[in-house]
PDB file of all heavy atoms in Angstrom:
ATOM      1  N   THR A   1      35.996  32.497 -38.618  1.00  0.00           N
ATOM      2  CA  THR A   1      35.125  32.395 -39.802  1.00  0.00           C
ATOM      3  C   THR A   1      34.561  30.988 -39.926  1.00  0.00           C
ATOM      4  O   THR A   1      35.233  30.007 -39.618  1.00  0.00           O
ATOM      5  CB  THR A   1      35.895  32.745 -41.084  1.00  0.00           C
ATOM      6  OG1 THR A   1      37.013  31.846 -41.222  1.00  0.00           O
ATOM      7  CG2 THR A   1      36.414  34.174 -41.048  1.00  0.00           C
ATOM      8  N   VAL A   2      33.301  30.903 -40.382  1.00  0.00           N
ATOM      9  CA  VAL A   2      32.623  29.620 -40.605  1.00  0.00           C
ATOM     10  C   VAL A   2      31.998  29.662 -41.996  1.00  0.00           C
ATOM     11  O   VAL A   2      31.373  30.663 -42.367  1.00  0.00           O
ATOM     12  CB  VAL A   2      31.524  29.372 -39.542  1.00  0.00           C
ATOM     13  CG1 VAL A   2      30.850  28.023 -39.785  1.00  0.00           C
ATOM     14  CG2 VAL A   2      32.106  29.434 -38.141  1.00  0.00           C
ATOM     15  N   ASN A   3      32.143  28.588 -42.749  1.00  0.00           N
ATOM     16  CA  ASN A   3      31.549  28.533 -44.085  1.00  0.00           C
ATOM     17  C   ASN A   3      30.027  28.433 -44.006  1.00  0.00           C
ATOM     18  O   ASN A   3      29.456  28.125 -42.956  1.00  0.00           O
ATOM     19  CB  ASN A   3      32.103  27.339 -44.867  1.00  0.00           C
ATOM     20  CG  ASN A   3      31.767  26.009 -44.200  1.00  0.00           C
ATOM     21  OD1 ASN A   3      32.140  25.769 -43.052  1.00  0.00           O
ATOM     22  ND2 ASN A   3      31.066  25.146 -44.905  1.00  0.00           N
ATOM     23  N   ASP A   4      29.334  28.697 -45.099  1.00  0.00           N
ATOM     24  CA  ASP A   4      27.875  28.631 -45.146  1.00  0.00           C
ATOM     25  C   ASP A   4      27.406  27.192 -44.956  1.00  0.00           C
ATOM     26  O   ASP A   4      27.939  26.261 -45.571  1.00  0.00           O
ATOM     27  CB  ASP A   4      27.354  29.166 -46.477  1.00  0.00           C
ATOM     28  CG  ASP A   4      27.592  30.659 -46.626  1.00  0.00           C
ATOM     29  OD1 ASP A   4      27.635  31.351 -45.594  1.00  0.00           O
ATOM     30  OD2 ASP A   4      27.738  31.139 -47.771  1.00  0.00           O
ATOM     31  N   THR A   5      26.400  27.017 -44.110  1.00  0.00           N
ATOM     32  CA  THR A   5      25.839  25.691 -43.837  1.00  0.00           C
ATOM     33  C   THR A   5      24.317  25.742 -43.941  1.00  0.00           C
ATOM     34  O   THR A   5      23.716  26.811 -43.916  1.00  0.00           O
ATOM     35  CB  THR A   5      26.237  25.212 -42.434  1.00  0.00           C
ATOM     36  OG1 THR A   5      25.901  26.228 -41.474  1.00  0.00           O
ATOM     37  CG2 THR A   5      27.727  24.917 -42.350  1.00  0.00           C
ATOM     38  N   VAL A   6      23.693  24.550 -44.037  1.00  0.00           N
ATOM     39  CA  VAL A   6      22.243  24.448 -44.193  1.00  0.00           C
ATOM     40  C   VAL A   6      21.568  23.965 -42.915  1.00  0.00           C
ATOM     41  O   VAL A   6      20.566  24.513 -42.471  1.00  0.00           O
ATOM     42  CB  VAL A   6      21.881  23.491 -45.362  1.00  0.00           C
ATOM     43  CG1 VAL A   6      20.372  23.285 -45.446  1.00  0.00           C
ATOM     44  CG2 VAL A   6      22.418  24.021 -46.684  1.00  0.00           C
ATOM     45  N   LEU A   7      22.138  22.949 -42.295  1.00  0.00           N
ATOM     46  CA  LEU A   7      21.496  22.288 -41.162  1.00  0.00           C
ATOM     47  C   LEU A   7      21.787  22.966 -39.826  1.00  0.00           C
ATOM     48  O   LEU A   7      20.976  22.890 -38.906  1.00  0.00           O
ATOM     49  CB  LEU A   7      21.954  20.827 -41.094  1.00  0.00           C
ATOM     50  CG  LEU A   7      21.726  20.001 -42.370  1.00  0.00           C
ATOM     51  CD1 LEU A   7      22.368  18.626 -42.222  1.00  0.00           C
ATOM     52  CD2 LEU A   7      20.242  19.865 -42.659  1.00  0.00           C
ATOM     53  N   ASN A   8      22.930  23.604 -39.730  1.00  0.00           N
ATOM     54  CA  ASN A   8      23.324  24.250 -38.477  1.00  0.00           C
ATOM     55  C   ASN A   8      23.687  25.709 -38.739  1.00  0.00           C
ATOM     56  O   ASN A   8      24.428  26.009 -39.685  1.00  0.00           O
ATOM     57  CB  ASN A   8      24.530  23.535 -37.865  1.00  0.00           C
ATOM     58  CG  ASN A   8      24.234  22.104 -37.478  1.00  0.00           C
ATOM     59  OD1 ASN A   8      23.669  21.830 -36.423  1.00  0.00           O
ATOM     60  ND2 ASN A   8      24.623  21.165 -38.339  1.00  0.00           N
ATOM     61  N   SER A   9      23.177  26.594 -37.912  1.00  0.00           N
ATOM     62  CA  SER A   9      23.483  28.013 -38.061  1.00  0.00           C
ATOM     63  C   SER A   9      24.916  28.294 -37.640  1.00  0.00           C
ATOM     64  O   SER A   9      25.526  27.533 -36.879  1.00  0.00           O
ATOM     65  CB  SER A   9      22.522  28.854 -37.218  1.00  0.00           C
ATOM     66  OG  SER A   9      22.757  28.631 -35.838  1.00  0.00           O
ATOM     67  N   LYS A  10      25.458  29.402 -38.115  1.00  0.00           N
ATOM     68  CA  LYS A  10      26.820  29.787 -37.739  1.00  0.00           C
ATOM     69  C   LYS A  10      26.916  30.043 -36.238  1.00  0.00           C
ATOM     70  O   LYS A  10      27.921  29.712 -35.603  1.00  0.00           O
ATOM     71  CB  LYS A  10      27.247  31.024 -38.523  1.00  0.00           C
ATOM     72  CG  LYS A  10      27.477  30.764 -40.002  1.00  0.00           C
ATOM     73  CD  LYS A  10      28.006  32.000 -40.714  1.00  0.00           C
ATOM     74  CE  LYS A  10      28.252  31.705 -42.187  1.00  0.00           C
ATOM     75  NZ  LYS A  10      28.797  32.874 -42.916  1.00  0.00           N
ATOM     76  N   ASP A  11      25.856  30.629 -35.673  1.00  0.00           N
ATOM     77  CA  ASP A  11      25.863  30.886 -34.222  1.00  0.00           C
ATOM     78  C   ASP A  11      25.959  29.586 -33.424  1.00  0.00           C
ATOM     79  O   ASP A  11      26.671  29.511 -32.418  1.00  0.00           O
ATOM     80  CB  ASP A  11      24.588  31.640 -33.819  1.00  0.00           C
ATOM     81  CG  ASP A  11      24.607  33.083 -34.303  1.00  0.00           C
ATOM     82  OD1 ASP A  11      25.710  33.588 -34.608  1.00  0.00           O
ATOM     83  OD2 ASP A  11      23.531  33.706 -34.379  1.00  0.00           O
ATOM     84  N   LYS A  12      25.238  28.554 -33.892  1.00  0.00           N
ATOM     85  CA  LYS A  12      25.271  27.262 -33.197  1.00  0.00           C
ATOM     86  C   LYS A  12      26.666  26.629 -33.295  1.00  0.00           C
ATOM     87  O   LYS A  12      27.173  26.065 -32.322  1.00  0.00           O
ATOM     88  CB  LYS A  12      24.227  26.318 -33.796  1.00  0.00           C
ATOM     89  CG  LYS A  12      24.104  24.980 -33.064  1.00  0.00           C
ATOM     90  CD  LYS A  12      23.157  24.030 -33.765  1.00  0.00           C
ATOM     91  CE  LYS A  12      21.721  24.493 -33.644  1.00  0.00           C
ATOM     92  NZ  LYS A  12      20.782  23.466 -34.189  1.00  0.00           N
ATOM     93  N   ILE A  13      27.272  26.736 -34.468  1.00  0.00           N
ATOM     94  CA  ILE A  13      28.614  26.177 -34.663  1.00  0.00           C
ATOM     95  C   ILE A  13      29.630  26.913 -33.799  1.00  0.00           C
ATOM     96  O   ILE A  13      30.481  26.296 -33.141  1.00  0.00           O
ATOM     97  CB  ILE A  13      29.006  26.240 -36.147  1.00  0.00           C
ATOM     98  CG1 ILE A  13      28.105  25.297 -36.966  1.00  0.00           C
ATOM     99  CG2 ILE A  13      30.473  25.871 -36.344  1.00  0.00           C
ATOM    100  CD1 ILE A  13      28.251  25.450 -38.461  1.00  0.00           C
ATOM    101  N   LEU A  14      29.551  28.245 -33.779  1.00  0.00           N
ATOM    102  CA  LEU A  14      30.490  29.041 -32.979  1.00  0.00           C
ATOM    103  C   LEU A  14      30.321  28.767 -31.486  1.00  0.00           C
ATOM    104  O   LEU A  14      31.299  28.737 -30.732  1.00  0.00           O
ATOM    105  CB  LEU A  14      30.288  30.529 -33.270  1.00  0.00           C
ATOM    106  CG  LEU A  14      30.750  30.996 -34.654  1.00  0.00           C
ATOM    107  CD1 LEU A  14      30.325  32.430 -34.899  1.00  0.00           C
ATOM    108  CD2 LEU A  14      32.270  30.860 -34.779  1.00  0.00           C
ATOM    109  N   LYS A  15      29.076  28.565 -31.074  1.00  0.00           N
ATOM    110  CA  LYS A  15      28.822  28.267 -29.665  1.00  0.00           C
ATOM    111  C   LYS A  15      29.445  26.921 -29.290  1.00  0.00           C
ATOM    112  O   LYS A  15      30.024  26.773 -28.201  1.00  0.00           O
ATOM    113  CB  LYS A  15      27.315  28.250 -29.402  1.00  0.00           C
ATOM    114  CG  LYS A  15      26.950  28.057 -27.940  1.00  0.00           C
ATOM    115  CD  LYS A  15      25.440  28.125 -27.743  1.00  0.00           C
ATOM    116  CE  LYS A  15      25.078  27.934 -26.278  1.00  0.00           C
ATOM    117  NZ  LYS A  15      23.604  27.989 -26.070  1.00  0.00           N
ATOM    118  N   LYS A  16      29.334  25.956 -30.190  1.00  0.00           N
ATOM    119  CA  LYS A  16      29.907  24.630 -29.937  1.00  0.00           C
ATOM    120  C   LYS A  16      31.426  24.668 -30.000  1.00  0.00           C
ATOM    121  O   LYS A  16      32.118  23.947 -29.255  1.00  0.00           O
ATOM    122  CB  LYS A  16      29.371  23.633 -30.974  1.00  0.00           C
ATOM    123  CG  LYS A  16      29.439  22.187 -30.516  1.00  0.00           C
ATOM    124  CD  LYS A  16      28.451  21.923 -29.403  1.00  0.00           C
ATOM    125  CE  LYS A  16      28.442  20.473 -28.991  1.00  0.00           C
ATOM    126  NZ  LYS A  16      27.540  20.218 -27.844  1.00  0.00           N
ATOM    127  N   ALA A  17      31.982  25.536 -30.866  1.00  0.00           N
ATOM    128  CA  ALA A  17      33.442  25.663 -30.974  1.00  0.00           C
ATOM    129  C   ALA A  17      34.033  26.265 -29.708  1.00  0.00           C
ATOM    130  O   ALA A  17      35.147  25.936 -29.309  1.00  0.00           O
ATOM    131  CB  ALA A  17      33.795  26.522 -32.184  1.00  0.00           C
ATOM    132  N   HIS A  18      33.294  27.172 -29.106  1.00  0.00           N
ATOM    133  CA  HIS A  18      33.694  27.803 -27.834  1.00  0.00           C
ATOM    134  C   HIS A  18      35.068  28.484 -27.953  1.00  0.00           C
ATOM    135  O   HIS A  18      35.950  28.291 -27.118  1.00  0.00           O
ATOM    136  CB  HIS A  18      33.690  26.780 -26.701  1.00  0.00           C
ATOM    137  CG  HIS A  18      33.725  27.412 -25.334  1.00  0.00           C
ATOM    138  ND1 HIS A  18      32.753  28.291 -24.901  1.00  0.00           N
ATOM    139  CD2 HIS A  18      34.625  27.321 -24.317  1.00  0.00           C
ATOM    140  CE1 HIS A  18      33.052  28.703 -23.683  1.00  0.00           C
ATOM    141  NE2 HIS A  18      34.188  28.132 -23.300  1.00  0.00           N
ATOM    142  N   VAL A  19      35.223  29.259 -29.017  1.00  0.00           N
ATOM    143  CA  VAL A  19      36.435  30.070 -29.197  1.00  0.00           C
ATOM    144  C   VAL A  19      36.038  31.525 -28.990  1.00  0.00           C
ATOM    145  O   VAL A  19      35.143  32.035 -29.669  1.00  0.00           O
ATOM    146  CB  VAL A  19      37.039  29.891 -30.598  1.00  0.00           C
ATOM    147  CG1 VAL A  19      38.268  30.774 -30.769  1.00  0.00           C
ATOM    148  CG2 VAL A  19      37.423  28.435 -30.822  1.00  0.00           C
ATOM    149  N   THR A  20      36.694  32.200 -28.055  1.00  0.00           N
ATOM    150  CA  THR A  20      36.349  33.583 -27.753  1.00  0.00           C
ATOM    151  C   THR A  20      37.562  34.488 -27.986  1.00  0.00           C
ATOM    152  O   THR A  20      38.689  34.020 -28.180  1.00  0.00           O
ATOM    153  CB  THR A  20      35.888  33.723 -26.298  1.00  0.00           C
ATOM    154  OG1 THR A  20      37.004  33.464 -25.433  1.00  0.00           O
ATOM    155  CG2 THR A  20      34.770  32.741 -25.991  1.00  0.00           C
ATOM    156  N   LYS A  21      37.311  35.785 -27.930  1.00  0.00           N
ATOM    157  CA  LYS A  21      38.390  36.757 -28.143  1.00  0.00           C
ATOM    158  C   LYS A  21      39.329  36.857 -26.942  1.00  0.00           C
ATOM    159  O   LYS A  21      40.317  37.587 -26.988  1.00  0.00           O
ATOM    160  CB  LYS A  21      37.793  38.125 -28.471  1.00  0.00           C
ATOM    161  CG  LYS A  21      37.108  38.171 -29.822  1.00  0.00           C
ATOM    162  CD  LYS A  21      36.650  39.564 -30.195  1.00  0.00           C
ATOM    163  CE  LYS A  21      36.039  39.594 -31.584  1.00  0.00           C
ATOM    164  NZ  LYS A  21      35.598  40.950 -31.978  1.00  0.00           N
ATOM    165  N   SER A  22      39.024  36.130 -25.892  1.00  0.00           N
ATOM    166  CA  SER A  22      39.927  36.094 -24.733  1.00  0.00           C
ATOM    167  C   SER A  22      40.903  34.917 -24.835  1.00  0.00           C
ATOM    168  O   SER A  22      41.749  34.732 -23.963  1.00  0.00           O
ATOM    169  CB  SER A  22      39.126  35.989 -23.435  1.00  0.00           C
ATOM    170  OG  SER A  22      38.380  34.785 -23.404  1.00  0.00           O
ATOM    171  N   ASP A  23      40.754  34.107 -25.921  1.00  0.00           N
ATOM    172  CA  ASP A  23      41.655  32.972 -26.123  1.00  0.00           C
ATOM    173  C   ASP A  23      42.894  33.405 -26.914  1.00  0.00           C
ATOM    174  O   ASP A  23      42.795  34.197 -27.857  1.00  0.00           O
ATOM    175  CB  ASP A  23      40.942  31.850 -26.894  1.00  0.00           C
ATOM    176  CG  ASP A  23      39.842  31.204 -26.081  1.00  0.00           C
ATOM    177  OD1 ASP A  23      40.021  31.069 -24.864  1.00  0.00           O
ATOM    178  OD2 ASP A  23      38.804  30.845 -26.673  1.00  0.00           O
ATOM    179  N   ARG A  24      44.037  32.871 -26.518  1.00  0.00           N
ATOM    180  CA  ARG A  24      45.262  33.090 -27.282  1.00  0.00           C
ATOM    181  C   ARG A  24      45.273  32.112 -28.457  1.00  0.00           C
ATOM    182  O   ARG A  24      44.915  30.941 -28.310  1.00  0.00           O
ATOM    183  CB  ARG A  24      46.491  32.857 -26.413  1.00  0.00           C
ATOM    184  CG  ARG A  24      46.585  33.761 -25.187  1.00  0.00           C
ATOM    185  CD  ARG A  24      47.143  35.113 -25.535  1.00  0.00           C
ATOM    186  NE  ARG A  24      47.385  35.921 -24.337  1.00  0.00           N
ATOM    187  CZ  ARG A  24      47.880  37.148 -24.374  1.00  0.00           C
ATOM    188  NH1 ARG A  24      48.191  37.706 -25.535  1.00  0.00           N
ATOM    189  NH2 ARG A  24      48.075  37.824 -23.256  1.00  0.00           N
ATOM    190  N   ILE A  25      45.682  32.573 -29.630  1.00  0.00           N
ATOM    191  CA  ILE A  25      45.665  31.744 -30.826  1.00  0.00           C
ATOM    192  C   ILE A  25      46.496  30.484 -30.666  1.00  0.00           C
ATOM    193  O   ILE A  25      46.152  29.417 -31.182  1.00  0.00           O
ATOM    194  CB  ILE A  25      46.145  32.559 -32.057  1.00  0.00           C
ATOM    195  CG1 ILE A  25      45.906  31.776 -33.354  1.00  0.00           C
ATOM    196  CG2 ILE A  25      47.604  32.943 -31.914  1.00  0.00           C
ATOM    197  CD1 ILE A  25      44.482  31.650 -33.754  1.00  0.00           C
ATOM    198  N   TYR A  26      47.604  30.579 -29.905  1.00  0.00           N
ATOM    199  CA  TYR A  26      48.494  29.437 -29.750  1.00  0.00           C
ATOM    200  C   TYR A  26      47.998  28.438 -28.706  1.00  0.00           C
ATOM    201  O   TYR A  26      48.515  27.318 -28.605  1.00  0.00           O
ATOM    202  CB  TYR A  26      49.915  29.894 -29.384  1.00  0.00           C
ATOM    203  CG  TYR A  26      49.995  30.788 -28.174  1.00  0.00           C
ATOM    204  CD1 TYR A  26      49.981  30.257 -26.891  1.00  0.00           C
ATOM    205  CD2 TYR A  26      50.073  32.173 -28.319  1.00  0.00           C
ATOM    206  CE1 TYR A  26      50.039  31.076 -25.774  1.00  0.00           C
ATOM    207  CE2 TYR A  26      50.133  32.999 -27.207  1.00  0.00           C
ATOM    208  CZ  TYR A  26      50.123  32.446 -25.936  1.00  0.00           C
ATOM    209  OH  TYR A  26      50.190  33.267 -24.832  1.00  0.00           O
ATOM    210  N   SER A  27      46.996  28.837 -27.924  1.00  0.00           N
ATOM    211  CA  SER A  27      46.521  27.961 -26.846  1.00  0.00           C
ATOM    212  C   SER A  27      45.327  27.100 -27.268  1.00  0.00           C
ATOM    213  O   SER A  27      44.980  26.154 -26.559  1.00  0.00           O
ATOM    214  CB  SER A  27      46.133  28.795 -25.619  1.00  0.00           C
ATOM    215  OG  SER A  27      44.999  29.600 -25.902  1.00  0.00           O
ATOM    216  N   ILE A  28      44.675  27.430 -28.398  1.00  0.00           N
ATOM    217  CA  ILE A  28      43.497  26.661 -28.802  1.00  0.00           C
ATOM    218  C   ILE A  28      43.935  25.377 -29.508  1.00  0.00           C
ATOM    219  O   ILE A  28      44.973  25.330 -30.165  1.00  0.00           O
ATOM    220  CB  ILE A  28      42.562  27.479 -29.721  1.00  0.00           C
ATOM    221  CG1 ILE A  28      43.246  27.823 -31.033  1.00  0.00           C
ATOM    222  CG2 ILE A  28      42.091  28.744 -29.023  1.00  0.00           C
ATOM    223  CD1 ILE A  28      42.324  28.518 -32.023  1.00  0.00           C
ATOM    224  N   ASP A  29      43.102  24.337 -29.367  1.00  0.00           N
ATOM    225  CA  ASP A  29      43.388  23.026 -29.952  1.00  0.00           C
ATOM    226  C   ASP A  29      42.427  22.771 -31.113  1.00  0.00           C
ATOM    227  O   ASP A  29      41.245  22.509 -30.884  1.00  0.00           O
ATOM    228  CB  ASP A  29      43.224  21.945 -28.890  1.00  0.00           C
ATOM    229  CG  ASP A  29      43.576  20.557 -29.394  1.00  0.00           C
ATOM    230  OD1 ASP A  29      43.799  20.403 -30.612  1.00  0.00           O
ATOM    231  OD2 ASP A  29      43.633  19.628 -28.566  1.00  0.00           O
ATOM    232  N   PRO A  30      42.890  22.841 -32.370  1.00  0.00           N
ATOM    233  CA  PRO A  30      42.008  22.623 -33.523  1.00  0.00           C
ATOM    234  C   PRO A  30      41.289  21.278 -33.485  1.00  0.00           C
ATOM    235  O   PRO A  30      40.113  21.184 -33.846  1.00  0.00           O
ATOM    236  CB  PRO A  30      42.974  22.701 -34.717  1.00  0.00           C
ATOM    237  CG  PRO A  30      44.094  23.554 -34.237  1.00  0.00           C
ATOM    238  CD  PRO A  30      44.256  23.199 -32.792  1.00  0.00           C
ATOM    239  N   GLY A  31      41.980  20.229 -33.035  1.00  0.00           N
ATOM    240  CA  GLY A  31      41.364  18.898 -32.965  1.00  0.00           C
ATOM    241  C   GLY A  31      40.211  18.851 -31.982  1.00  0.00           C
ATOM    242  O   GLY A  31      39.169  18.246 -32.245  1.00  0.00           O
ATOM    243  N   GLU A  32      40.391  19.496 -30.837  1.00  0.00           N
ATOM    244  CA  GLU A  32      39.334  19.521 -29.818  1.00  0.00           C
ATOM    245  C   GLU A  32      38.128  20.316 -30.306  1.00  0.00           C
ATOM    246  O   GLU A  32      36.974  19.904 -30.095  1.00  0.00           O
ATOM    247  CB  GLU A  32      39.879  20.137 -28.527  1.00  0.00           C
ATOM    248  CG  GLU A  32      38.879  20.143 -27.387  1.00  0.00           C
ATOM    249  CD  GLU A  32      39.436  20.760 -26.118  1.00  0.00           C
ATOM    250  OE1 GLU A  32      40.653  21.049 -26.094  1.00  0.00           O
ATOM    251  OE2 GLU A  32      38.675  20.964 -25.171  1.00  0.00           O
ATOM    252  N   ILE A  33      38.371  21.434 -30.977  1.00  0.00           N
ATOM    253  CA  ILE A  33      37.277  22.247 -31.528  1.00  0.00           C
ATOM    254  C   ILE A  33      36.487  21.445 -32.551  1.00  0.00           C
ATOM    255  O   ILE A  33      35.254  21.436 -32.549  1.00  0.00           O
ATOM    256  CB  ILE A  33      37.826  23.538 -32.159  1.00  0.00           C
ATOM    257  CG1 ILE A  33      38.461  24.417 -31.081  1.00  0.00           C
ATOM    258  CG2 ILE A  33      36.722  24.310 -32.875  1.00  0.00           C
ATOM    259  CD1 ILE A  33      39.222  25.602 -31.643  1.00  0.00           C
ATOM    260  N   ALA A  34      37.192  20.754 -33.447  1.00  0.00           N
ATOM    261  CA  ALA A  34      36.533  19.938 -34.473  1.00  0.00           C
ATOM    262  C   ALA A  34      35.688  18.845 -33.840  1.00  0.00           C
ATOM    263  O   ALA A  34      34.554  18.593 -34.263  1.00  0.00           O
ATOM    264  CB  ALA A  34      37.575  19.345 -35.409  1.00  0.00           C
ATOM    265  N   SER A  35      36.215  18.198 -32.804  1.00  0.00           N
ATOM    266  CA  SER A  35      35.474  17.124 -32.118  1.00  0.00           C
ATOM    267  C   SER A  35      34.201  17.657 -31.481  1.00  0.00           C
ATOM    268  O   SER A  35      33.157  16.987 -31.510  1.00  0.00           O
ATOM    269  CB  SER A  35      36.356  16.479 -31.049  1.00  0.00           C
ATOM    270  OG  SER A  35      37.481  15.862 -31.629  1.00  0.00           O
ATOM    271  N   ASN A  36      34.252  18.857 -30.903  1.00  0.00           N
ATOM    272  CA  ASN A  36      33.065  19.446 -30.283  1.00  0.00           C
ATOM    273  C   ASN A  36      31.982  19.727 -31.320  1.00  0.00           C
ATOM    274  O   ASN A  36      30.793  19.473 -31.083  1.00  0.00           O
ATOM    275  CB  ASN A  36      33.434  20.743 -29.573  1.00  0.00           C
ATOM    276  CG  ASN A  36      34.295  20.506 -28.348  1.00  0.00           C
ATOM    277  OD1 ASN A  36      34.288  19.412 -27.783  1.00  0.00           O
ATOM    278  ND2 ASN A  36      35.036  21.518 -27.940  1.00  0.00           N
ATOM    279  N   ILE A  37      32.372  20.247 -32.482  1.00  0.00           N
ATOM    280  CA  ILE A  37      31.405  20.604 -33.521  1.00  0.00           C
ATOM    281  C   ILE A  37      30.792  19.358 -34.145  1.00  0.00           C
ATOM    282  O   ILE A  37      29.623  19.348 -34.542  1.00  0.00           O
ATOM    283  CB  ILE A  37      32.075  21.482 -34.593  1.00  0.00           C
ATOM    284  CG1 ILE A  37      32.551  22.794 -33.973  1.00  0.00           C
ATOM    285  CG2 ILE A  37      31.117  21.779 -35.747  1.00  0.00           C
ATOM    286  CD1 ILE A  37      33.380  23.659 -34.897  1.00  0.00           C
TER     287      ILE A  37
END
């Protein structure tokens, strides 16, 4: 889930986050995702 934004679309944010349904929840790094966005 992504909150409502003005400058960047949700699709753009999700693409930059690069989290897919093939990822295990325990294997993703929240800090790395935040840095990418």
